[in-house]
Structures are given as C-alpha cells and as structure tokens.
Amino acid sequence: MRELVETIAKALVDTPSEVVVTEQENEKGILLTLKVAPSDIGKVIGKQGKVANAIRSVVKAAGIRKGVHVMVDIE
C-alpha cells in the first residue's frame, strides 16, 4: 500500500524527491502518512480536498482487495 500512495503522490507533485510515506500498523488497520514539500501540499489536497479523497478511495479499494483496512493521512 505504501508504494501505491508514493507512486500517486510523486506523479502529482513538482518535487517528487521530497515525497515520504510512512506506514504504521495498529489494531484498526494500516495508517499511511504522506509528507510532501510545503509548496506541493495544495497539489496533493486539491480543490475542496478532491484529490486527497481520490487518493484515499483508491488506497481503500486496494486495501479491501487484500482484506486490510487502510487509512491515509496527509501532513
């Protein structure tokens, strides 16, 4: 899942070298935290959060296929 979020984020931003995705597993499932450069945060969130919601939907669907609950947090 981490690689999926990383690939999507790198395609969206101007500085892909600053994309960092960390993965934490807890009792609720997997938490992926996405960090990008401050100048790229708007590209990852999008107008009214539409890009962020799309990323979360894709990752959630991929998690369902593997039987895992996945959450994405953008910092």
N, C-alpha and C. Protein backbone atom coordinates (compact mmCIF):
# COMPACT_ATOMS: atom_id res chain seq x y z
N MET A 1 0.81 -1.19 0.00
CA MET A 1 0.00 0.00 0.00
C MET A 1 0.86 1.26 0.00
N ARG A 2 1.97 1.20 0.73
CA ARG A 2 2.86 2.35 0.82
C ARG A 2 3.36 2.76 -0.56
N GLU A 3 3.72 1.78 -1.37
CA GLU A 3 4.23 2.05 -2.71
C GLU A 3 3.16 2.70 -3.59
N LEU A 4 1.92 2.30 -3.42
CA LEU A 4 0.81 2.87 -4.20
C LEU A 4 0.65 4.35 -3.91
N VAL A 5 0.63 4.71 -2.63
CA VAL A 5 0.48 6.12 -2.25
C VAL A 5 1.69 6.92 -2.73
N GLU A 6 2.87 6.34 -2.59
CA GLU A 6 4.09 7.02 -3.03
C GLU A 6 4.09 7.27 -4.53
N THR A 7 3.67 6.31 -5.30
CA THR A 7 3.61 6.46 -6.76
C THR A 7 2.62 7.53 -7.18
N ILE A 8 1.45 7.52 -6.58
CA ILE A 8 0.43 8.52 -6.91
C ILE A 8 0.92 9.92 -6.54
N ALA A 9 1.48 10.06 -5.34
CA ALA A 9 1.93 11.38 -4.88
C ALA A 9 3.07 11.92 -5.74
N LYS A 10 4.01 11.06 -6.10
CA LYS A 10 5.14 11.51 -6.93
C LYS A 10 4.68 11.98 -8.30
N ALA A 11 3.60 11.41 -8.80
CA ALA A 11 3.07 11.84 -10.10
C ALA A 11 2.39 13.20 -10.01
N LEU A 12 1.95 13.60 -8.84
CA LEU A 12 1.21 14.85 -8.67
C LEU A 12 2.08 16.07 -8.37
N VAL A 13 3.21 15.86 -7.70
CA VAL A 13 3.98 16.99 -7.17
C VAL A 13 5.10 17.43 -8.12
N ASP A 14 5.64 18.64 -7.84
CA ASP A 14 6.76 19.16 -8.61
C ASP A 14 8.10 18.65 -8.11
N THR A 15 8.19 18.32 -6.83
CA THR A 15 9.43 17.81 -6.25
C THR A 15 9.21 16.40 -5.69
N PRO A 16 9.25 15.39 -6.56
CA PRO A 16 8.98 14.02 -6.11
C PRO A 16 10.03 13.47 -5.14
N SER A 17 11.20 14.08 -5.09
CA SER A 17 12.23 13.59 -4.17
C SER A 17 11.87 13.86 -2.71
N GLU A 18 10.95 14.78 -2.47
CA GLU A 18 10.55 15.10 -1.10
C GLU A 18 9.31 14.35 -0.63
N VAL A 19 8.81 13.44 -1.43
CA VAL A 19 7.64 12.64 -1.03
C VAL A 19 8.11 11.53 -0.10
N VAL A 20 7.49 11.48 1.08
CA VAL A 20 7.82 10.46 2.07
C VAL A 20 6.51 9.84 2.56
N VAL A 21 6.43 8.52 2.52
CA VAL A 21 5.26 7.81 3.02
C VAL A 21 5.72 6.86 4.12
N THR A 22 5.14 7.02 5.30
CA THR A 22 5.45 6.11 6.40
C THR A 22 4.24 5.23 6.69
N GLU A 23 4.51 4.04 7.14
CA GLU A 23 3.45 3.06 7.38
C GLU A 23 3.47 2.63 8.84
N GLN A 24 2.30 2.68 9.47
CA GLN A 24 2.14 2.25 10.85
C GLN A 24 1.00 1.26 10.92
N GLU A 25 1.21 0.17 11.61
CA GLU A 25 0.14 -0.81 11.76
C GLU A 25 -0.36 -0.76 13.20
N ASN A 26 -1.69 -0.71 13.34
CA ASN A 26 -2.28 -0.72 14.67
C ASN A 26 -3.48 -1.65 14.67
N GLU A 27 -4.26 -1.65 15.76
CA GLU A 27 -5.38 -2.58 15.87
C GLU A 27 -6.50 -2.27 14.88
N LYS A 28 -6.58 -1.03 14.39
CA LYS A 28 -7.62 -0.67 13.44
C LYS A 28 -7.25 -1.01 11.99
N GLY A 29 -5.98 -1.16 11.71
CA GLY A 29 -5.52 -1.44 10.36
C GLY A 29 -4.18 -0.78 10.10
N ILE A 30 -3.99 -0.30 8.89
CA ILE A 30 -2.74 0.33 8.50
C ILE A 30 -2.96 1.82 8.31
N LEU A 31 -2.08 2.63 8.91
CA LEU A 31 -2.12 4.08 8.76
C LEU A 31 -0.93 4.49 7.91
N LEU A 32 -1.19 5.10 6.77
CA LEU A 32 -0.15 5.62 5.89
C LEU A 32 -0.12 7.14 6.04
N THR A 33 1.05 7.69 6.32
CA THR A 33 1.20 9.12 6.48
C THR A 33 2.02 9.64 5.31
N LEU A 34 1.44 10.59 4.57
CA LEU A 34 2.08 11.16 3.39
C LEU A 34 2.61 12.55 3.72
N LYS A 35 3.90 12.75 3.46
CA LYS A 35 4.52 14.07 3.65
C LYS A 35 5.09 14.52 2.32
N VAL A 36 4.79 15.77 1.96
CA VAL A 36 5.32 16.36 0.72
C VAL A 36 5.90 17.73 1.06
N ALA A 37 6.56 18.33 0.09
CA ALA A 37 7.11 19.67 0.27
C ALA A 37 5.97 20.66 0.52
N PRO A 38 6.21 21.68 1.31
CA PRO A 38 5.15 22.67 1.59
C PRO A 38 4.57 23.31 0.33
N SER A 39 5.38 23.47 -0.70
CA SER A 39 4.89 24.08 -1.93
C SER A 39 3.98 23.13 -2.72
N ASP A 40 4.04 21.85 -2.41
CA ASP A 40 3.25 20.85 -3.15
C ASP A 40 2.00 20.38 -2.42
N ILE A 41 1.77 20.86 -1.22
CA ILE A 41 0.65 20.35 -0.42
C ILE A 41 -0.69 20.63 -1.11
N GLY A 42 -0.81 21.75 -1.78
CA GLY A 42 -2.06 22.08 -2.47
C GLY A 42 -2.35 21.13 -3.62
N LYS A 43 -1.32 20.65 -4.28
CA LYS A 43 -1.50 19.71 -5.39
C LYS A 43 -1.99 18.36 -4.89
N VAL A 44 -1.54 17.98 -3.70
CA VAL A 44 -1.93 16.68 -3.14
C VAL A 44 -3.34 16.74 -2.55
N ILE A 45 -3.71 17.89 -2.00
CA ILE A 45 -5.04 18.03 -1.41
C ILE A 45 -6.08 18.34 -2.48
N GLY A 46 -5.77 19.26 -3.38
CA GLY A 46 -6.70 19.62 -4.45
C GLY A 46 -7.80 20.55 -3.97
N LYS A 47 -8.58 21.05 -4.93
CA LYS A 47 -9.69 21.94 -4.58
C LYS A 47 -10.73 21.17 -3.78
N GLN A 48 -11.07 21.74 -2.65
CA GLN A 48 -12.06 21.16 -1.73
C GLN A 48 -11.71 19.73 -1.32
N GLY A 49 -10.42 19.39 -1.38
CA GLY A 49 -9.97 18.07 -0.93
C GLY A 49 -10.28 16.93 -1.89
N LYS A 50 -10.59 17.25 -3.13
CA LYS A 50 -10.99 16.21 -4.08
C LYS A 50 -9.86 15.25 -4.42
N VAL A 51 -8.64 15.76 -4.58
CA VAL A 51 -7.51 14.88 -4.90
C VAL A 51 -7.19 13.99 -3.70
N ALA A 52 -7.20 14.56 -2.51
CA ALA A 52 -6.94 13.78 -1.30
C ALA A 52 -7.98 12.67 -1.13
N ASN A 53 -9.24 13.01 -1.36
CA ASN A 53 -10.30 12.00 -1.26
C ASN A 53 -10.14 10.91 -2.32
N ALA A 54 -9.70 11.28 -3.50
CA ALA A 54 -9.48 10.29 -4.56
C ALA A 54 -8.35 9.35 -4.18
N ILE A 55 -7.28 9.89 -3.62
CA ILE A 55 -6.16 9.04 -3.17
C ILE A 55 -6.65 8.07 -2.11
N ARG A 56 -7.40 8.59 -1.16
CA ARG A 56 -7.93 7.73 -0.08
C ARG A 56 -8.86 6.64 -0.62
N SER A 57 -9.68 6.98 -1.61
CA SER A 57 -10.60 5.99 -2.19
C SER A 57 -9.85 4.87 -2.90
N VAL A 58 -8.83 5.24 -3.66
CA VAL A 58 -8.04 4.23 -4.39
C VAL A 58 -7.33 3.31 -3.42
N VAL A 59 -6.73 3.88 -2.39
CA VAL A 59 -5.99 3.07 -1.41
C VAL A 59 -6.95 2.20 -0.60
N LYS A 60 -8.10 2.75 -0.26
CA LYS A 60 -9.10 1.96 0.47
C LYS A 60 -9.57 0.77 -0.35
N ALA A 61 -9.82 1.00 -1.64
CA ALA A 61 -10.24 -0.10 -2.52
C ALA A 61 -9.16 -1.16 -2.63
N ALA A 62 -7.90 -0.74 -2.73
CA ALA A 62 -6.80 -1.70 -2.80
C ALA A 62 -6.69 -2.48 -1.49
N GLY A 63 -6.94 -1.80 -0.37
CA GLY A 63 -6.91 -2.48 0.92
C GLY A 63 -8.02 -3.50 1.07
N ILE A 64 -9.19 -3.16 0.58
CA ILE A 64 -10.32 -4.10 0.64
C ILE A 64 -10.01 -5.36 -0.15
N ARG A 65 -9.36 -5.20 -1.28
CA ARG A 65 -8.98 -6.37 -2.09
C ARG A 65 -8.06 -7.30 -1.33
N LYS A 66 -7.22 -6.72 -0.44
CA LYS A 66 -6.28 -7.53 0.35
C LYS A 66 -6.84 -7.87 1.72
N GLY A 67 -8.04 -7.37 2.03
CA GLY A 67 -8.67 -7.67 3.32
C GLY A 67 -8.10 -6.87 4.47
N VAL A 68 -7.61 -5.65 4.18
CA VAL A 68 -6.98 -4.82 5.21
C VAL A 68 -7.65 -3.44 5.21
N HIS A 69 -7.84 -2.87 6.39
CA HIS A 69 -8.38 -1.51 6.50
C HIS A 69 -7.21 -0.54 6.43
N VAL A 70 -7.20 0.36 5.45
CA VAL A 70 -6.10 1.29 5.25
C VAL A 70 -6.62 2.72 5.35
N MET A 71 -5.89 3.55 6.10
CA MET A 71 -6.21 4.96 6.24
C MET A 71 -5.03 5.78 5.74
N VAL A 72 -5.30 6.91 5.08
CA VAL A 72 -4.25 7.79 4.58
C VAL A 72 -4.37 9.14 5.27
N ASP A 73 -3.26 9.59 5.84
CA ASP A 73 -3.20 10.89 6.49
C ASP A 73 -2.19 11.75 5.73
N ILE A 74 -2.54 12.99 5.44
CA ILE A 74 -1.66 13.88 4.70
C ILE A 74 -1.19 14.98 5.64
N GLU A 75 0.14 15.11 5.76
CA GLU A 75 0.71 16.15 6.64
C GLU A 75 1.31 17.24 5.80
